[in-house]
Amino acid sequence: MAKTSQVNRNAKREHMAARDKGKRTALKNIVMDRTLPVEDRFEASLKLAELPRNGSRVRVRLRCKLTGRSRANYRKFGLCRVALRDLASTGQIPGMVKSSW
């Protein structure tokens, strides 16, 4: 099990990223638009820098839904390799069987 504080911190980052998504994309579009004057683009980049860093989508870490483990996660299942193997061994994941050759 991961530390509860790490899981909570990541949940807070997910919430902030969802909240600031529209604002960030609008400012990024202004910054990347080469047809706009340099002053407007620079002002948009300053506003973008004023936004909280944890509101960026890049800051969110993919974590296991069961254990909170931050490494070796499968996006398709939302689980880490350890939890995925345990559930697959007990037959909890439909269509997944233990391989043998």
C-alpha atoms as a PDB file:
ATOM      1  CA  MET A   1       0.000   0.000   0.000  1.00  0.00           C
ATOM      2  CA  ALA A   2       1.233   3.458  -0.850  1.00  0.00           C
ATOM      3  CA  LYS A   3       1.307   6.244   1.667  1.00  0.00           C
ATOM      4  CA  THR A   4      -2.097   7.830   2.021  1.00  0.00           C
ATOM      5  CA  SER A   5      -0.583  11.294   1.801  1.00  0.00           C
ATOM      6  CA  GLN A   6       0.903  10.525  -1.626  1.00  0.00           C
ATOM      7  CA  VAL A   7      -2.424   9.226  -2.927  1.00  0.00           C
ATOM      8  CA  ASN A   8      -4.259  12.266  -1.561  1.00  0.00           C
ATOM      9  CA  ARG A   9      -1.686  14.644  -3.036  1.00  0.00           C
ATOM     10  CA  ASN A  10      -2.111  13.008  -6.438  1.00  0.00           C
ATOM     11  CA  ALA A  11      -5.910  13.257  -6.164  1.00  0.00           C
ATOM     12  CA  LYS A  12      -5.561  16.959  -5.394  1.00  0.00           C
ATOM     13  CA  ARG A  13      -3.367  17.376  -8.475  1.00  0.00           C
ATOM     14  CA  GLU A  14      -5.957  15.573 -10.627  1.00  0.00           C
ATOM     15  CA  HIS A  15      -8.644  17.906  -9.344  1.00  0.00           C
ATOM     16  CA  MET A  16      -6.529  21.004  -9.988  1.00  0.00           C
ATOM     17  CA  ALA A  17      -5.592  19.808 -13.478  1.00  0.00           C
ATOM     18  CA  ALA A  18      -9.238  19.280 -14.376  1.00  0.00           C
ATOM     19  CA  ARG A  19     -10.156  22.681 -12.939  1.00  0.00           C
ATOM     20  CA  ASP A  20      -7.440  24.619 -14.793  1.00  0.00           C
ATOM     21  CA  LYS A  21      -7.584  22.702 -18.079  1.00  0.00           C
ATOM     22  CA  GLY A  22      -9.632  25.252 -20.012  1.00  0.00           C
ATOM     23  CA  LYS A  23      -7.632  28.214 -18.763  1.00  0.00           C
ATOM     24  CA  ARG A  24      -4.320  26.541 -19.609  1.00  0.00           C
ATOM     25  CA  THR A  25      -5.343  25.523 -23.123  1.00  0.00           C
ATOM     26  CA  ALA A  26      -6.639  29.012 -23.901  1.00  0.00           C
ATOM     27  CA  LEU A  27      -3.393  30.635 -22.748  1.00  0.00           C
ATOM     28  CA  LYS A  28      -1.263  28.060 -24.567  1.00  0.00           C
ATOM     29  CA  ASN A  29      -3.173  28.690 -27.793  1.00  0.00           C
ATOM     30  CA  ILE A  30      -2.466  32.421 -27.480  1.00  0.00           C
ATOM     31  CA  VAL A  31       1.232  31.802 -26.791  1.00  0.00           C
ATOM     32  CA  MET A  32       1.603  29.455 -29.775  1.00  0.00           C
ATOM     33  CA  ASP A  33      -0.294  31.666 -32.248  1.00  0.00           C
ATOM     34  CA  ARG A  34       2.390  33.352 -34.385  1.00  0.00           C
ATOM     35  CA  THR A  35      -0.071  35.783 -35.964  1.00  0.00           C
ATOM     36  CA  LEU A  36      -0.700  37.631 -32.696  1.00  0.00           C
ATOM     37  CA  PRO A  37       1.515  40.519 -31.550  1.00  0.00           C
ATOM     38  CA  VAL A  38       4.514  39.644 -29.399  1.00  0.00           C
ATOM     39  CA  GLU A  39       3.214  41.722 -26.472  1.00  0.00           C
ATOM     40  CA  ASP A  40      -0.027  39.720 -26.275  1.00  0.00           C
ATOM     41  CA  ARG A  41       1.825  36.431 -26.482  1.00  0.00           C
ATOM     42  CA  PHE A  42       4.278  37.502 -23.784  1.00  0.00           C
ATOM     43  CA  GLU A  43       1.438  38.628 -21.514  1.00  0.00           C
ATOM     44  CA  ALA A  44      -0.278  35.259 -21.998  1.00  0.00           C
ATOM     45  CA  SER A  45       2.940  33.435 -21.115  1.00  0.00           C
ATOM     46  CA  LEU A  46       3.225  35.465 -17.905  1.00  0.00           C
ATOM     47  CA  LYS A  47      -0.367  34.571 -16.970  1.00  0.00           C
ATOM     48  CA  LEU A  48       0.393  30.944 -17.730  1.00  0.00           C
ATOM     49  CA  ALA A  49       3.399  31.076 -15.409  1.00  0.00           C
ATOM     50  CA  GLU A  50       1.229  32.521 -12.615  1.00  0.00           C
ATOM     51  CA  LEU A  51      -1.049  29.476 -12.616  1.00  0.00           C
ATOM     52  CA  PRO A  52      -0.235  26.869  -9.944  1.00  0.00           C
ATOM     53  CA  ARG A  53       2.257  24.245 -11.060  1.00  0.00           C
ATOM     54  CA  ASN A  54       0.215  21.404  -9.619  1.00  0.00           C
ATOM     55  CA  GLY A  55      -2.607  22.419 -11.947  1.00  0.00           C
ATOM     56  CA  SER A  56      -0.651  21.039 -14.885  1.00  0.00           C
ATOM     57  CA  ARG A  57      -1.672  17.648 -16.281  1.00  0.00           C
ATOM     58  CA  VAL A  58       1.985  16.571 -16.401  1.00  0.00           C
ATOM     59  CA  ARG A  59       2.183  16.648 -12.606  1.00  0.00           C
ATOM     60  CA  VAL A  60      -0.449  13.928 -12.180  1.00  0.00           C
ATOM     61  CA  ARG A  61       1.070  10.499 -11.564  1.00  0.00           C
ATOM     62  CA  LEU A  62      -0.622   7.307 -12.754  1.00  0.00           C
ATOM     63  CA  ARG A  63      -1.407   5.218  -9.673  1.00  0.00           C
ATOM     64  CA  CYS A  64      -2.965   1.825  -9.033  1.00  0.00           C
ATOM     65  CA  LYS A  65      -6.663   2.073  -8.146  1.00  0.00           C
ATOM     66  CA  LEU A  66      -6.394  -0.662  -5.506  1.00  0.00           C
ATOM     67  CA  THR A  67      -3.045  -0.144  -3.826  1.00  0.00           C
ATOM     68  CA  GLY A  68      -1.946   3.350  -4.849  1.00  0.00           C
ATOM     69  CA  ARG A  69       1.357   2.014  -6.210  1.00  0.00           C
ATOM     70  CA  SER A  70       2.966   4.537  -8.538  1.00  0.00           C
ATOM     71  CA  ARG A  71       5.134   2.239 -10.632  1.00  0.00           C
ATOM     72  CA  ALA A  72       4.480  -0.522 -13.178  1.00  0.00           C
ATOM     73  CA  ASN A  73       0.882   0.487 -13.923  1.00  0.00           C
ATOM     74  CA  TYR A  74      -1.246  -0.729 -16.805  1.00  0.00           C
ATOM     75  CA  ARG A  75      -3.413   2.063 -18.179  1.00  0.00           C
ATOM     76  CA  LYS A  76      -5.930  -0.375 -19.646  1.00  0.00           C
ATOM     77  CA  PHE A  77      -6.779  -1.811 -16.239  1.00  0.00           C
ATOM     78  CA  GLY A  78      -5.788   1.041 -13.931  1.00  0.00           C
ATOM     79  CA  LEU A  79      -3.851  -1.452 -11.816  1.00  0.00           C
ATOM     80  CA  CYS A  80      -0.229  -2.095 -10.965  1.00  0.00           C
ATOM     81  CA  ARG A  81       1.437  -5.325 -12.050  1.00  0.00           C
ATOM     82  CA  VAL A  82       1.196  -6.846  -8.573  1.00  0.00           C
ATOM     83  CA  ALA A  83      -2.534  -6.242  -8.175  1.00  0.00           C
ATOM     84  CA  LEU A  84      -3.181  -7.281 -11.769  1.00  0.00           C
ATOM     85  CA  ARG A  85      -1.396 -10.594 -11.245  1.00  0.00           C
ATOM     86  CA  ASP A  86      -3.267 -11.298  -8.020  1.00  0.00           C
ATOM     87  CA  LEU A  87      -6.652 -10.577  -9.585  1.00  0.00           C
ATOM     88  CA  ALA A  88      -5.810 -12.571 -12.715  1.00  0.00           C
ATOM     89  CA  SER A  89      -4.670 -15.566 -10.659  1.00  0.00           C
ATOM     90  CA  THR A  90      -7.946 -15.634  -8.755  1.00  0.00           C
ATOM     91  CA  GLY A  91      -9.971 -15.269 -11.960  1.00  0.00           C
ATOM     92  CA  GLN A  92     -11.318 -11.798 -11.193  1.00  0.00           C
ATOM     93  CA  ILE A  93     -10.388 -10.345 -14.603  1.00  0.00           C
ATOM     94  CA  PRO A  94     -12.549 -11.770 -17.429  1.00  0.00           C
ATOM     95  CA  GLY A  95     -10.629 -13.260 -20.324  1.00  0.00           C
ATOM     96  CA  MET A  96      -7.240 -13.206 -18.624  1.00  0.00           C
ATOM     97  CA  VAL A  97      -5.666 -16.587 -17.957  1.00  0.00           C
ATOM     98  CA  LYS A  98      -2.270 -17.658 -16.727  1.00  0.00           C
ATOM     99  CA  SER A  99      -0.015 -18.511 -19.622  1.00  0.00           C
ATOM    100  CA  SER A 100       1.690 -21.871 -19.909  1.00  0.00           C
ATOM    101  CA  TRP A 101       3.823 -23.311 -22.685  1.00  0.00           C
END
